[in-house]
């Protein structure tokens, strides 16, 4: 009930504040498990996407965000619950695998899950190589992957700022991608699928491609 109440407030406020242009929502399947794979330019991305999606979307958020005390802690926790965030520990590889398993459980319930394959926010606006966790999820769950491009959030909330500014943003959903179980090497299948997903995100966002990974990412 708290989450529903928070969402009913956050959706109209976000539309007034960011005046989002939303494209391609018809590409999102109306039922069943779906993975939204998005570029990552700002902390605002995983907050905004669920508010413009036609279905609830669960993104992962650091567990400590849900346990902070005081008025600020309540506001953060309520906002995260309002956009369907799921708390997970962050850090080592074991924590990263646990995060993927949490995401898989969301998909197995027939829900939508959002992920940023780059792992961390781009500091220079380029689109970095995707981590293969997104493909692991797609192959393990059988869920289609909808590529997503978020544009303008780096100006609304630049890296290092805590308060979002009123700026126009665009959220663009692409046609779903589907991946069959691998016939050969699972590692190669995950790499190939991830590259295809990142190509689709790049086509939607128009970002310059970076040749490697965003090394600031904690998730490998």
N, C-alpha and C. Protein backbone atom coordinates (compact mmCIF):
# COMPACT_ATOMS: atom_id res chain seq x y z
N UNK A 1 0.83 -1.20 0.00
CA UNK A 1 0.00 0.00 0.00
C UNK A 1 0.87 1.26 0.00
N UNK A 2 1.94 1.22 0.80
CA UNK A 2 2.86 2.36 0.84
C UNK A 2 3.48 2.59 -0.53
N UNK A 3 3.91 1.50 -1.19
CA UNK A 3 4.53 1.61 -2.50
C UNK A 3 3.56 2.18 -3.53
N UNK A 4 2.30 1.70 -3.49
CA UNK A 4 1.30 2.19 -4.45
C UNK A 4 1.02 3.67 -4.23
N UNK A 5 0.94 4.06 -2.95
CA UNK A 5 0.69 5.46 -2.64
C UNK A 5 1.83 6.35 -3.10
N UNK A 6 3.07 5.88 -2.88
CA UNK A 6 4.24 6.65 -3.30
C UNK A 6 4.27 6.79 -4.82
N UNK A 7 3.96 5.71 -5.53
CA UNK A 7 3.98 5.75 -6.99
C UNK A 7 2.92 6.71 -7.53
N UNK A 8 1.74 6.74 -6.88
CA UNK A 8 0.67 7.61 -7.35
C UNK A 8 1.06 9.08 -7.24
N UNK A 9 2.01 9.38 -6.35
CA UNK A 9 2.51 10.75 -6.22
C UNK A 9 3.70 10.98 -7.16
N UNK A 10 4.60 10.00 -7.23
CA UNK A 10 5.83 10.17 -7.99
C UNK A 10 5.60 10.30 -9.49
N UNK A 11 4.63 9.55 -10.03
CA UNK A 11 4.40 9.58 -11.48
C UNK A 11 4.02 10.98 -11.96
N UNK A 12 2.97 11.62 -11.42
CA UNK A 12 2.63 12.97 -11.92
C UNK A 12 3.70 14.01 -11.62
N UNK A 13 4.37 13.88 -10.46
CA UNK A 13 5.41 14.85 -10.13
C UNK A 13 6.57 14.74 -11.12
N UNK A 14 6.97 13.51 -11.45
CA UNK A 14 8.09 13.32 -12.38
C UNK A 14 7.73 13.83 -13.77
N UNK A 15 6.48 13.71 -14.18
CA UNK A 15 6.07 14.19 -15.50
C UNK A 15 6.07 15.71 -15.56
N UNK A 16 5.73 16.35 -14.47
CA UNK A 16 5.79 17.81 -14.43
C UNK A 16 7.24 18.30 -14.37
N UNK A 17 8.06 17.60 -13.63
CA UNK A 17 9.43 18.04 -13.36
C UNK A 17 10.35 17.81 -14.56
N UNK A 18 10.19 16.64 -15.22
CA UNK A 18 11.13 16.27 -16.29
C UNK A 18 10.52 16.37 -17.69
N UNK A 19 9.20 16.55 -17.79
CA UNK A 19 8.52 16.63 -19.08
C UNK A 19 9.03 15.56 -20.04
N UNK A 20 8.95 14.29 -19.64
CA UNK A 20 9.58 13.24 -20.44
C UNK A 20 8.88 12.98 -21.77
N UNK A 21 9.69 12.77 -22.78
CA UNK A 21 9.20 12.23 -24.05
C UNK A 21 9.37 10.72 -23.97
N UNK A 22 8.30 9.99 -24.17
CA UNK A 22 8.33 8.53 -24.03
C UNK A 22 8.02 7.91 -25.39
N UNK A 23 8.92 7.10 -25.88
CA UNK A 23 8.76 6.50 -27.21
C UNK A 23 8.85 4.98 -27.10
N UNK A 24 8.02 4.31 -27.88
CA UNK A 24 8.13 2.86 -28.03
C UNK A 24 7.56 2.02 -26.90
N UNK A 25 6.66 2.56 -26.10
CA UNK A 25 6.11 1.76 -25.01
C UNK A 25 5.35 0.54 -25.52
N UNK A 26 4.90 0.61 -26.77
CA UNK A 26 4.19 -0.53 -27.35
C UNK A 26 5.08 -1.76 -27.52
N UNK A 27 6.40 -1.56 -27.43
CA UNK A 27 7.32 -2.69 -27.57
C UNK A 27 7.39 -3.56 -26.32
N UNK A 28 6.88 -3.07 -25.21
CA UNK A 28 6.97 -3.82 -23.96
C UNK A 28 5.83 -4.84 -23.90
N UNK A 29 6.14 -6.14 -23.81
CA UNK A 29 5.08 -7.15 -23.67
C UNK A 29 4.22 -6.84 -22.45
N UNK A 30 2.92 -7.04 -22.59
CA UNK A 30 1.98 -6.66 -21.53
C UNK A 30 1.91 -7.67 -20.40
N UNK A 31 2.50 -8.83 -20.58
CA UNK A 31 2.50 -9.83 -19.51
C UNK A 31 3.75 -10.69 -19.63
N UNK A 32 4.03 -11.41 -18.55
CA UNK A 32 5.17 -12.31 -18.54
C UNK A 32 6.47 -11.61 -18.19
N UNK A 33 7.52 -12.39 -17.97
CA UNK A 33 8.81 -11.81 -17.60
C UNK A 33 9.43 -11.02 -18.74
N UNK A 34 10.01 -9.86 -18.41
CA UNK A 34 10.66 -9.00 -19.40
C UNK A 34 11.88 -8.37 -18.74
N UNK A 35 12.97 -8.27 -19.48
CA UNK A 35 14.17 -7.57 -19.02
C UNK A 35 14.27 -6.26 -19.77
N UNK A 36 14.36 -5.15 -19.04
CA UNK A 36 14.65 -3.86 -19.65
C UNK A 36 16.14 -3.58 -19.48
N UNK A 37 16.86 -3.48 -20.58
CA UNK A 37 18.31 -3.25 -20.55
C UNK A 37 18.58 -1.83 -21.03
N UNK A 38 19.07 -0.97 -20.13
CA UNK A 38 19.18 0.46 -20.44
C UNK A 38 20.60 0.96 -20.32
N UNK A 39 20.89 2.03 -21.07
CA UNK A 39 22.14 2.76 -20.88
C UNK A 39 22.11 3.44 -19.52
N UNK A 40 23.23 4.01 -19.11
CA UNK A 40 23.29 4.53 -17.73
C UNK A 40 24.12 5.81 -17.70
N UNK A 41 23.42 6.95 -17.64
CA UNK A 41 24.08 8.25 -17.63
C UNK A 41 23.94 8.98 -16.30
N UNK A 42 23.01 8.52 -15.45
CA UNK A 42 22.72 9.25 -14.23
C UNK A 42 22.07 8.32 -13.21
N UNK A 43 22.18 8.67 -11.93
CA UNK A 43 21.48 7.91 -10.89
C UNK A 43 19.97 7.99 -11.09
N UNK A 44 19.54 8.98 -11.83
CA UNK A 44 18.12 9.18 -12.09
C UNK A 44 17.52 8.10 -12.99
N UNK A 45 18.35 7.41 -13.78
CA UNK A 45 17.85 6.48 -14.80
C UNK A 45 16.94 5.40 -14.23
N UNK A 46 17.43 4.70 -13.19
CA UNK A 46 16.66 3.58 -12.66
C UNK A 46 15.48 4.04 -11.80
N UNK A 47 15.38 5.33 -11.54
CA UNK A 47 14.23 5.91 -10.87
C UNK A 47 13.18 6.33 -11.90
N UNK A 48 13.64 6.86 -13.03
CA UNK A 48 12.74 7.40 -14.04
C UNK A 48 12.08 6.30 -14.88
N UNK A 49 12.86 5.30 -15.29
CA UNK A 49 12.31 4.27 -16.18
C UNK A 49 11.05 3.61 -15.61
N UNK A 50 11.03 3.20 -14.33
CA UNK A 50 9.80 2.60 -13.81
C UNK A 50 8.61 3.55 -13.81
N UNK A 51 8.87 4.85 -13.73
CA UNK A 51 7.77 5.82 -13.67
C UNK A 51 7.14 6.07 -15.04
N UNK A 52 7.84 5.75 -16.12
CA UNK A 52 7.27 5.96 -17.46
C UNK A 52 6.90 4.64 -18.13
N UNK A 53 7.21 3.52 -17.49
CA UNK A 53 6.90 2.21 -18.06
C UNK A 53 5.43 1.88 -17.88
N UNK A 54 4.82 1.17 -18.84
CA UNK A 54 3.41 0.78 -18.69
C UNK A 54 3.21 -0.33 -17.68
N UNK A 55 4.31 -0.97 -17.23
CA UNK A 55 4.24 -2.02 -16.22
C UNK A 55 5.26 -1.73 -15.13
N UNK A 56 5.02 -2.19 -13.90
CA UNK A 56 6.02 -2.03 -12.85
C UNK A 56 7.34 -2.68 -13.23
N UNK A 57 8.44 -2.03 -12.87
CA UNK A 57 9.78 -2.52 -13.17
C UNK A 57 10.59 -2.55 -11.88
N UNK A 58 11.25 -3.66 -11.62
CA UNK A 58 12.12 -3.76 -10.45
C UNK A 58 13.56 -3.54 -10.86
N UNK A 59 14.22 -2.56 -10.25
CA UNK A 59 15.66 -2.37 -10.38
C UNK A 59 16.30 -2.73 -9.04
N UNK A 60 17.56 -3.09 -9.06
CA UNK A 60 18.29 -3.35 -7.83
C UNK A 60 18.80 -2.04 -7.25
N UNK A 61 18.79 -1.94 -5.94
CA UNK A 61 19.33 -0.78 -5.24
C UNK A 61 20.13 -1.27 -4.04
N UNK A 62 21.13 -0.50 -3.64
CA UNK A 62 21.96 -0.90 -2.52
C UNK A 62 21.11 -1.09 -1.27
N UNK A 63 21.36 -2.19 -0.58
CA UNK A 63 20.57 -2.58 0.58
C UNK A 63 20.51 -1.50 1.65
N UNK A 64 21.64 -0.77 1.80
CA UNK A 64 21.69 0.23 2.87
C UNK A 64 20.72 1.39 2.64
N UNK A 65 20.27 1.59 1.39
CA UNK A 65 19.30 2.65 1.14
C UNK A 65 17.98 2.38 1.87
N UNK A 66 17.69 1.10 2.13
CA UNK A 66 16.43 0.74 2.76
C UNK A 66 16.50 0.76 4.28
N UNK A 67 17.67 0.97 4.83
CA UNK A 67 17.83 0.89 6.28
C UNK A 67 18.25 2.22 6.91
N UNK A 68 18.39 3.29 6.11
CA UNK A 68 18.76 4.58 6.66
C UNK A 68 17.63 5.12 7.55
N UNK A 69 18.01 5.84 8.58
CA UNK A 69 17.04 6.34 9.54
C UNK A 69 16.74 7.82 9.30
N UNK A 70 15.79 8.34 10.08
CA UNK A 70 15.45 9.75 9.99
C UNK A 70 14.54 10.06 8.81
N UNK A 71 14.22 11.35 8.67
CA UNK A 71 13.31 11.79 7.61
C UNK A 71 13.88 11.52 6.22
N UNK A 72 15.20 11.75 6.07
CA UNK A 72 15.83 11.50 4.78
C UNK A 72 15.78 10.02 4.43
N UNK A 73 16.06 9.17 5.41
CA UNK A 73 16.00 7.73 5.17
C UNK A 73 14.61 7.28 4.79
N UNK A 74 13.60 7.84 5.46
CA UNK A 74 12.22 7.49 5.13
C UNK A 74 11.88 7.91 3.70
N UNK A 75 12.32 9.10 3.30
CA UNK A 75 12.02 9.59 1.96
C UNK A 75 12.68 8.71 0.90
N UNK A 76 13.95 8.35 1.12
CA UNK A 76 14.65 7.50 0.16
C UNK A 76 13.98 6.14 0.07
N UNK A 77 13.68 5.55 1.21
CA UNK A 77 13.07 4.22 1.25
C UNK A 77 11.69 4.23 0.58
N UNK A 78 10.89 5.24 0.87
CA UNK A 78 9.56 5.33 0.29
C UNK A 78 9.63 5.53 -1.22
N UNK A 79 10.56 6.35 -1.67
CA UNK A 79 10.72 6.58 -3.12
C UNK A 79 11.16 5.30 -3.83
N UNK A 80 12.10 4.57 -3.23
CA UNK A 80 12.56 3.32 -3.84
C UNK A 80 11.45 2.29 -3.90
N UNK A 81 10.69 2.17 -2.83
CA UNK A 81 9.56 1.24 -2.83
C UNK A 81 8.53 1.67 -3.88
N UNK A 82 8.38 2.97 -4.06
CA UNK A 82 7.42 3.48 -5.02
C UNK A 82 7.76 3.12 -6.46
N UNK A 83 9.05 2.95 -6.76
CA UNK A 83 9.44 2.56 -8.12
C UNK A 83 9.80 1.08 -8.21
N UNK A 84 9.50 0.31 -7.15
CA UNK A 84 9.68 -1.14 -7.20
C UNK A 84 11.10 -1.62 -7.03
N UNK A 85 11.98 -0.81 -6.43
CA UNK A 85 13.37 -1.22 -6.25
C UNK A 85 13.49 -2.40 -5.29
N UNK A 86 14.51 -3.22 -5.51
CA UNK A 86 14.79 -4.40 -4.68
C UNK A 86 16.17 -4.23 -4.07
N UNK A 87 16.27 -4.34 -2.77
CA UNK A 87 17.55 -4.14 -2.08
C UNK A 87 18.46 -5.35 -2.16
N UNK A 88 19.75 -5.10 -2.45
CA UNK A 88 20.75 -6.17 -2.50
C UNK A 88 22.07 -5.64 -1.95
N UNK A 89 22.90 -6.51 -1.38
CA UNK A 89 24.25 -6.08 -0.99
C UNK A 89 25.08 -5.84 -2.22
N UNK A 90 26.04 -4.95 -2.14
CA UNK A 90 26.92 -4.65 -3.27
C UNK A 90 28.36 -4.89 -2.89
N UNK A 91 29.19 -5.17 -3.89
CA UNK A 91 30.62 -5.29 -3.61
C UNK A 91 31.30 -6.38 -4.38
N UNK A 92 31.54 -7.50 -3.74
CA UNK A 92 32.37 -8.56 -4.30
C UNK A 92 31.61 -9.36 -5.35
N UNK A 93 32.35 -10.27 -6.01
CA UNK A 93 31.74 -11.09 -7.06
C UNK A 93 30.59 -11.93 -6.52
N UNK A 94 30.75 -12.46 -5.31
CA UNK A 94 29.69 -13.27 -4.72
C UNK A 94 28.41 -12.44 -4.56
N UNK A 95 28.56 -11.19 -4.16
CA UNK A 95 27.41 -10.30 -4.03
C UNK A 95 26.79 -10.04 -5.41
N UNK A 96 27.63 -9.92 -6.43
CA UNK A 96 27.13 -9.70 -7.78
C UNK A 96 26.30 -10.89 -8.25
N UNK A 97 26.77 -12.11 -7.98
CA UNK A 97 26.02 -13.29 -8.38
C UNK A 97 24.71 -13.38 -7.60
N UNK A 98 24.75 -13.02 -6.32
CA UNK A 98 23.53 -13.01 -5.51
C UNK A 98 22.52 -12.01 -6.08
N UNK A 99 23.02 -10.88 -6.58
CA UNK A 99 22.15 -9.88 -7.18
C UNK A 99 21.47 -10.44 -8.43
N UNK A 100 22.23 -11.16 -9.25
CA UNK A 100 21.66 -11.76 -10.45
C UNK A 100 20.60 -12.80 -10.09
N UNK A 101 20.85 -13.56 -9.04
CA UNK A 101 19.88 -14.57 -8.62
C UNK A 101 18.61 -13.92 -8.07
N UNK A 102 18.77 -12.78 -7.40
CA UNK A 102 17.59 -12.02 -6.97
C UNK A 102 16.79 -11.54 -8.18
N UNK A 103 17.50 -11.05 -9.19
CA UNK A 103 16.84 -10.60 -10.42
C UNK A 103 16.13 -11.75 -11.11
N UNK A 104 16.77 -12.93 -11.14
CA UNK A 104 16.16 -14.09 -11.77
C UNK A 104 14.86 -14.47 -11.06
N UNK A 105 14.84 -14.35 -9.74
CA UNK A 105 13.62 -14.66 -8.98
C UNK A 105 12.49 -13.70 -9.37
N UNK A 106 12.82 -12.43 -9.60
CA UNK A 106 11.82 -11.46 -10.04
C UNK A 106 11.22 -11.90 -11.37
N UNK A 107 12.09 -12.30 -12.31
CA UNK A 107 11.61 -12.73 -13.63
C UNK A 107 10.80 -14.01 -13.54
N UNK A 108 11.19 -14.93 -12.68
CA UNK A 108 10.46 -16.19 -12.54
C UNK A 108 9.07 -15.99 -11.97
N UNK A 109 8.84 -14.82 -11.36
CA UNK A 109 7.51 -14.47 -10.88
C UNK A 109 6.67 -13.82 -11.97
N UNK A 110 7.24 -13.72 -13.19
CA UNK A 110 6.51 -13.13 -14.31
C UNK A 110 6.53 -11.62 -14.31
N UNK A 111 7.50 -11.02 -13.62
CA UNK A 111 7.57 -9.56 -13.50
C UNK A 111 8.63 -8.99 -14.44
N UNK A 112 8.74 -7.67 -14.47
CA UNK A 112 9.75 -7.00 -15.28
C UNK A 112 10.92 -6.60 -14.39
N UNK A 113 12.11 -6.75 -14.96
CA UNK A 113 13.32 -6.39 -14.23
C UNK A 113 14.16 -5.46 -15.10
N UNK A 114 14.70 -4.40 -14.50
CA UNK A 114 15.54 -3.45 -15.22
C UNK A 114 16.99 -3.58 -14.82
N UNK A 115 17.88 -3.46 -15.81
CA UNK A 115 19.31 -3.60 -15.55
C UNK A 115 20.09 -2.65 -16.46
N UNK A 116 21.21 -2.17 -15.95
CA UNK A 116 22.13 -1.36 -16.74
C UNK A 116 23.35 -2.24 -17.06
N UNK A 117 23.44 -2.78 -18.27
CA UNK A 117 24.54 -3.70 -18.57
C UNK A 117 25.93 -3.09 -18.44
N UNK A 118 26.05 -1.76 -18.55
CA UNK A 118 27.37 -1.12 -18.37
C UNK A 118 27.84 -1.25 -16.92
N UNK A 119 26.92 -1.45 -15.99
CA UNK A 119 27.27 -1.65 -14.59
C UNK A 119 27.30 -0.39 -13.78
N UNK A 120 27.89 0.66 -14.28
CA UNK A 120 28.00 1.92 -13.56
C UNK A 120 27.74 3.07 -14.54
N UNK A 121 27.47 4.23 -13.97
CA UNK A 121 27.16 5.38 -14.82
C UNK A 121 28.35 5.80 -15.67
N UNK A 122 28.05 6.17 -16.90
CA UNK A 122 29.09 6.69 -17.80
C UNK A 122 29.44 8.10 -17.38
N UNK A 123 30.72 8.36 -17.13
CA UNK A 123 31.16 9.70 -16.74
C UNK A 123 31.40 10.62 -17.93
N UNK A 124 31.54 10.05 -19.12
CA UNK A 124 31.88 10.87 -20.28
C UNK A 124 30.81 10.83 -21.38
N UNK A 125 29.68 10.19 -21.10
CA UNK A 125 28.59 10.15 -22.07
C UNK A 125 28.68 9.06 -23.10
N UNK A 126 29.81 8.34 -23.15
CA UNK A 126 29.94 7.24 -24.10
C UNK A 126 29.22 5.99 -23.58
N UNK A 127 28.89 5.09 -24.50
CA UNK A 127 28.27 3.82 -24.14
C UNK A 127 29.36 2.76 -24.04
N UNK A 128 29.50 2.18 -22.85
CA UNK A 128 30.57 1.21 -22.60
C UNK A 128 30.12 -0.21 -22.92
N UNK A 129 31.09 -1.10 -22.99
CA UNK A 129 30.80 -2.50 -23.27
C UNK A 129 29.94 -3.10 -22.16
N UNK A 130 28.99 -3.94 -22.53
CA UNK A 130 28.08 -4.51 -21.55
C UNK A 130 28.67 -5.69 -20.81
N UNK A 131 28.36 -5.77 -19.53
CA UNK A 131 28.69 -6.96 -18.73
C UNK A 131 27.69 -8.06 -19.08
N UNK A 132 28.12 -9.31 -18.99
CA UNK A 132 27.31 -10.40 -19.50
C UNK A 132 26.20 -10.86 -18.55
N UNK A 133 26.06 -10.20 -17.40
CA UNK A 133 24.98 -10.57 -16.50
C UNK A 133 23.61 -10.46 -17.14
N UNK A 134 23.42 -9.47 -18.01
CA UNK A 134 22.12 -9.30 -18.67
C UNK A 134 21.80 -10.51 -19.54
N UNK A 135 22.80 -11.06 -20.23
CA UNK A 135 22.58 -12.24 -21.06
C UNK A 135 22.36 -13.48 -20.19
N UNK A 136 23.10 -13.57 -19.07
CA UNK A 136 22.88 -14.68 -18.14
C UNK A 136 21.42 -14.72 -17.71
N UNK A 137 20.87 -13.55 -17.39
CA UNK A 137 19.47 -13.47 -16.99
C UNK A 137 18.53 -13.88 -18.13
N UNK A 138 18.81 -13.38 -19.33
CA UNK A 138 17.94 -13.67 -20.47
C UNK A 138 17.94 -15.17 -20.79
N UNK A 139 19.11 -15.78 -20.77
CA UNK A 139 19.21 -17.20 -21.11
C UNK A 139 18.67 -18.09 -19.99
N UNK A 140 18.86 -17.67 -18.76
CA UNK A 140 18.37 -18.48 -17.63
C UNK A 140 16.86 -18.40 -17.48
N UNK A 141 16.28 -17.25 -17.83
CA UNK A 141 14.85 -17.04 -17.62
C UNK A 141 14.01 -17.25 -18.87
N UNK A 142 14.64 -17.11 -20.05
CA UNK A 142 13.89 -17.15 -21.30
C UNK A 142 13.13 -15.87 -21.58
N UNK A 143 13.36 -14.84 -20.77
CA UNK A 143 12.63 -13.58 -20.93
C UNK A 143 13.16 -12.78 -22.11
N UNK A 144 12.30 -12.09 -22.82
CA UNK A 144 12.78 -11.18 -23.88
C UNK A 144 13.47 -9.98 -23.26
N UNK A 145 14.40 -9.39 -24.00
CA UNK A 145 15.13 -8.21 -23.55
C UNK A 145 14.68 -7.01 -24.38
N UNK A 146 14.14 -5.99 -23.71
CA UNK A 146 13.76 -4.76 -24.38
C UNK A 146 14.87 -3.74 -24.16
N UNK A 147 15.58 -3.32 -25.22
CA UNK A 147 16.62 -2.29 -25.06
C UNK A 147 15.98 -0.94 -24.77
N UNK A 148 16.64 -0.16 -23.94
CA UNK A 148 16.11 1.15 -23.54
C UNK A 148 17.21 2.19 -23.63
N UNK A 149 16.89 3.34 -24.17
CA UNK A 149 17.81 4.48 -24.18
C UNK A 149 17.19 5.60 -23.37
N UNK A 150 17.94 6.11 -22.40
CA UNK A 150 17.52 7.26 -21.61
C UNK A 150 18.44 8.42 -21.99
N UNK A 151 17.86 9.53 -22.39
CA UNK A 151 18.61 10.68 -22.88
C UNK A 151 18.27 11.92 -22.07
N UNK A 152 19.29 12.66 -21.67
CA UNK A 152 19.09 13.92 -20.97
C UNK A 152 19.20 13.84 -19.47
N UNK A 153 19.22 12.64 -18.91
CA UNK A 153 19.30 12.53 -17.45
C UNK A 153 20.65 12.98 -16.91
N UNK A 154 21.70 12.94 -17.76
CA UNK A 154 23.00 13.41 -17.30
C UNK A 154 23.01 14.91 -17.06
N UNK A 155 22.06 15.62 -17.65
CA UNK A 155 21.92 17.06 -17.41
C UNK A 155 20.96 17.33 -16.25
N UNK A 156 19.97 16.44 -16.08
CA UNK A 156 19.01 16.60 -14.99
C UNK A 156 19.67 16.29 -13.64
N UNK A 157 20.50 15.25 -13.63
CA UNK A 157 21.22 14.92 -12.39
C UNK A 157 22.62 14.42 -12.75
N UNK A 158 23.56 15.35 -12.96
CA UNK A 158 24.92 14.95 -13.30
C UNK A 158 25.56 14.12 -12.19
N UNK A 159 26.55 13.32 -12.56
CA UNK A 159 27.29 12.54 -11.58
C UNK A 159 27.87 13.47 -10.52
N UNK A 160 27.66 13.12 -9.26
CA UNK A 160 28.18 13.92 -8.15
C UNK A 160 27.18 14.87 -7.54
N UNK A 161 26.00 15.01 -8.15
CA UNK A 161 24.96 15.87 -7.58
C UNK A 161 23.91 15.02 -6.89
N UNK A 162 23.26 15.58 -5.88
CA UNK A 162 22.27 14.83 -5.11
C UNK A 162 20.84 15.19 -5.47
N UNK A 163 20.64 16.39 -5.98
CA UNK A 163 19.30 16.85 -6.28
C UNK A 163 19.12 16.97 -7.79
N UNK A 164 18.06 16.35 -8.30
CA UNK A 164 17.79 16.43 -9.73
C UNK A 164 17.24 17.81 -10.09
N UNK A 165 17.63 18.28 -11.28
CA UNK A 165 17.16 19.57 -11.78
C UNK A 165 16.02 19.34 -12.77
N UNK A 166 15.13 20.31 -12.92
CA UNK A 166 14.06 20.17 -13.92
C UNK A 166 14.63 20.29 -15.33
N UNK A 167 14.73 19.19 -16.02
CA UNK A 167 15.24 19.15 -17.38
C UNK A 167 14.37 18.20 -18.21
N UNK A 168 14.24 18.48 -19.49
CA UNK A 168 13.53 17.57 -20.39
C UNK A 168 14.36 16.32 -20.62
N UNK A 169 13.73 15.15 -20.51
CA UNK A 169 14.41 13.88 -20.75
C UNK A 169 13.60 13.05 -21.73
N UNK A 170 14.27 12.08 -22.32
CA UNK A 170 13.62 11.15 -23.25
C UNK A 170 13.90 9.72 -22.82
N UNK A 171 12.86 8.89 -22.86
CA UNK A 171 13.02 7.46 -22.61
C UNK A 171 12.49 6.73 -23.84
N UNK A 172 13.36 5.94 -24.46
CA UNK A 172 13.04 5.30 -25.74
C UNK A 172 13.16 3.78 -25.59
N UNK A 173 12.05 3.07 -25.80
CA UNK A 173 12.02 1.61 -25.71
C UNK A 173 12.12 1.01 -27.11
N UNK A 174 12.98 0.01 -27.27
CA UNK A 174 13.15 -0.63 -28.57
C UNK A 174 12.41 -1.96 -28.67
N UNK A 175 12.46 -2.56 -29.85
CA UNK A 175 11.81 -3.85 -30.08
C UNK A 175 12.49 -4.93 -29.24
N UNK A 176 11.72 -5.86 -28.69
CA UNK A 176 12.31 -6.90 -27.84
C UNK A 176 13.22 -7.85 -28.60
N UNK A 177 14.26 -8.28 -27.92
CA UNK A 177 15.20 -9.26 -28.45
C UNK A 177 14.98 -10.57 -27.70
N UNK A 178 15.04 -11.67 -28.43
CA UNK A 178 14.85 -13.00 -27.82
C UNK A 178 16.04 -13.88 -28.14
N UNK A 179 16.46 -14.65 -27.15
CA UNK A 179 17.66 -15.48 -27.30
C UNK A 179 17.35 -16.93 -26.97
N UNK A 180 17.72 -17.82 -27.90
CA UNK A 180 17.50 -19.25 -27.71
C UNK A 180 18.58 -19.83 -26.81
N UNK A 181 18.29 -20.93 -26.12
CA UNK A 181 19.33 -21.59 -25.31
C UNK A 181 20.54 -21.91 -26.17
N UNK A 182 21.74 -21.72 -25.66
CA UNK A 182 22.94 -21.92 -26.47
C UNK A 182 23.14 -23.39 -26.85
N UNK A 183 23.57 -23.58 -28.10
CA UNK A 183 23.88 -24.93 -28.56
C UNK A 183 25.34 -25.28 -28.29
N UNK A 184 26.18 -24.26 -28.14
CA UNK A 184 27.60 -24.47 -27.91
C UNK A 184 28.05 -23.89 -26.59
N UNK A 185 29.12 -23.12 -26.64
CA UNK A 185 29.70 -22.54 -25.44
C UNK A 185 28.74 -21.53 -24.79
N UNK A 186 28.45 -21.75 -23.51
CA UNK A 186 27.57 -20.83 -22.79
C UNK A 186 28.21 -19.45 -22.65
N UNK A 187 29.53 -19.44 -22.43
CA UNK A 187 30.23 -18.16 -22.29
C UNK A 187 30.15 -17.34 -23.56
N UNK A 188 30.37 -17.98 -24.70
CA UNK A 188 30.30 -17.27 -25.98
C UNK A 188 28.88 -16.80 -26.25
N UNK A 189 27.89 -17.62 -25.90
CA UNK A 189 26.50 -17.24 -26.12
C UNK A 189 26.15 -16.01 -25.30
N UNK A 190 26.63 -15.95 -24.07
CA UNK A 190 26.36 -14.78 -23.22
C UNK A 190 27.04 -13.53 -23.79
N UNK A 191 28.29 -13.70 -24.27
CA UNK A 191 29.01 -12.55 -24.83
C UNK A 191 28.31 -12.05 -26.09
N UNK A 192 27.93 -12.97 -26.98
CA UNK A 192 27.29 -12.58 -28.23
C UNK A 192 25.94 -11.89 -27.96
N UNK A 193 25.17 -12.44 -27.03
CA UNK A 193 23.87 -11.85 -26.71
C UNK A 193 24.03 -10.47 -26.11
N UNK A 194 25.00 -10.31 -25.22
CA UNK A 194 25.25 -9.02 -24.60
C UNK A 194 25.64 -7.98 -25.65
N UNK A 195 26.51 -8.37 -26.57
CA UNK A 195 26.92 -7.44 -27.63
C UNK A 195 25.73 -7.02 -28.49
N UNK A 196 24.83 -7.97 -28.76
CA UNK A 196 23.64 -7.64 -29.56
C UNK A 196 22.74 -6.66 -28.81
N UNK A 197 22.62 -6.86 -27.52
CA UNK A 197 21.82 -5.95 -26.69
C UNK A 197 22.43 -4.55 -26.70
N UNK A 198 23.75 -4.48 -26.54
CA UNK A 198 24.40 -3.17 -26.51
C UNK A 198 24.31 -2.48 -27.87
N UNK A 199 24.36 -3.24 -28.95
CA UNK A 199 24.19 -2.65 -30.29
C UNK A 199 22.80 -2.02 -30.41
N UNK A 200 21.79 -2.70 -29.85
CA UNK A 200 20.43 -2.18 -29.92
C UNK A 200 20.28 -0.91 -29.08
N UNK A 201 20.92 -0.89 -27.90
CA UNK A 201 20.88 0.30 -27.06
C UNK A 201 21.56 1.47 -27.78
N UNK A 202 22.71 1.19 -28.40
CA UNK A 202 23.44 2.24 -29.12
C UNK A 202 22.62 2.81 -30.26
N UNK A 203 21.88 1.95 -30.97
CA UNK A 203 21.05 2.43 -32.07
C UNK A 203 19.95 3.35 -31.57
N UNK A 204 19.44 3.09 -30.36
CA UNK A 204 18.39 3.92 -29.79
C UNK A 204 18.93 5.23 -29.21
N UNK A 205 20.12 5.16 -28.60
CA UNK A 205 20.65 6.33 -27.88
C UNK A 205 21.49 7.25 -28.75
N UNK A 206 22.13 6.69 -29.79
CA UNK A 206 23.02 7.48 -30.62
C UNK A 206 24.34 7.81 -29.94
N UNK A 207 24.65 7.15 -28.83
CA UNK A 207 25.89 7.44 -28.10
C UNK A 207 27.12 6.92 -28.84
N UNK A 208 28.22 7.61 -28.65
CA UNK A 208 29.52 7.13 -29.13
C UNK A 208 29.89 5.90 -28.30
N UNK A 209 30.42 4.87 -28.94
CA UNK A 209 30.77 3.64 -28.24
C UNK A 209 32.18 3.73 -27.66
N UNK A 210 32.33 3.30 -26.42
CA UNK A 210 33.64 3.17 -25.79
C UNK A 210 34.16 1.77 -26.09
N UNK A 211 35.47 1.60 -26.27
CA UNK A 211 36.01 0.30 -26.68
C UNK A 211 36.03 -0.75 -25.59
N UNK A 212 35.93 -0.37 -24.33
CA UNK A 212 36.07 -1.33 -23.24
C UNK A 212 34.96 -1.18 -22.21
N UNK A 213 35.23 -1.80 -21.04
CA UNK A 213 34.28 -1.73 -19.95
C UNK A 213 34.41 -0.44 -19.17
N UNK A 214 33.33 -0.07 -18.48
CA UNK A 214 33.39 1.00 -17.51
C UNK A 214 34.02 0.40 -16.24
N UNK A 215 35.27 0.66 -16.01
CA UNK A 215 35.99 -0.01 -14.92
C UNK A 215 35.56 0.46 -13.55
N UNK A 216 34.69 1.48 -13.46
CA UNK A 216 34.18 1.90 -12.17
C UNK A 216 33.11 0.95 -11.66
N UNK A 217 32.67 0.03 -12.52
CA UNK A 217 31.62 -0.89 -12.13
C UNK A 217 32.11 -1.89 -11.11
N UNK A 218 31.26 -2.20 -10.14
CA UNK A 218 31.58 -3.22 -9.14
C UNK A 218 31.08 -4.59 -9.59
N UNK A 219 30.15 -4.63 -10.56
CA UNK A 219 29.62 -5.90 -11.01
C UNK A 219 30.36 -6.36 -12.26
N UNK A 220 30.92 -7.52 -12.20
CA UNK A 220 31.66 -8.05 -13.33
C UNK A 220 30.75 -8.96 -14.17
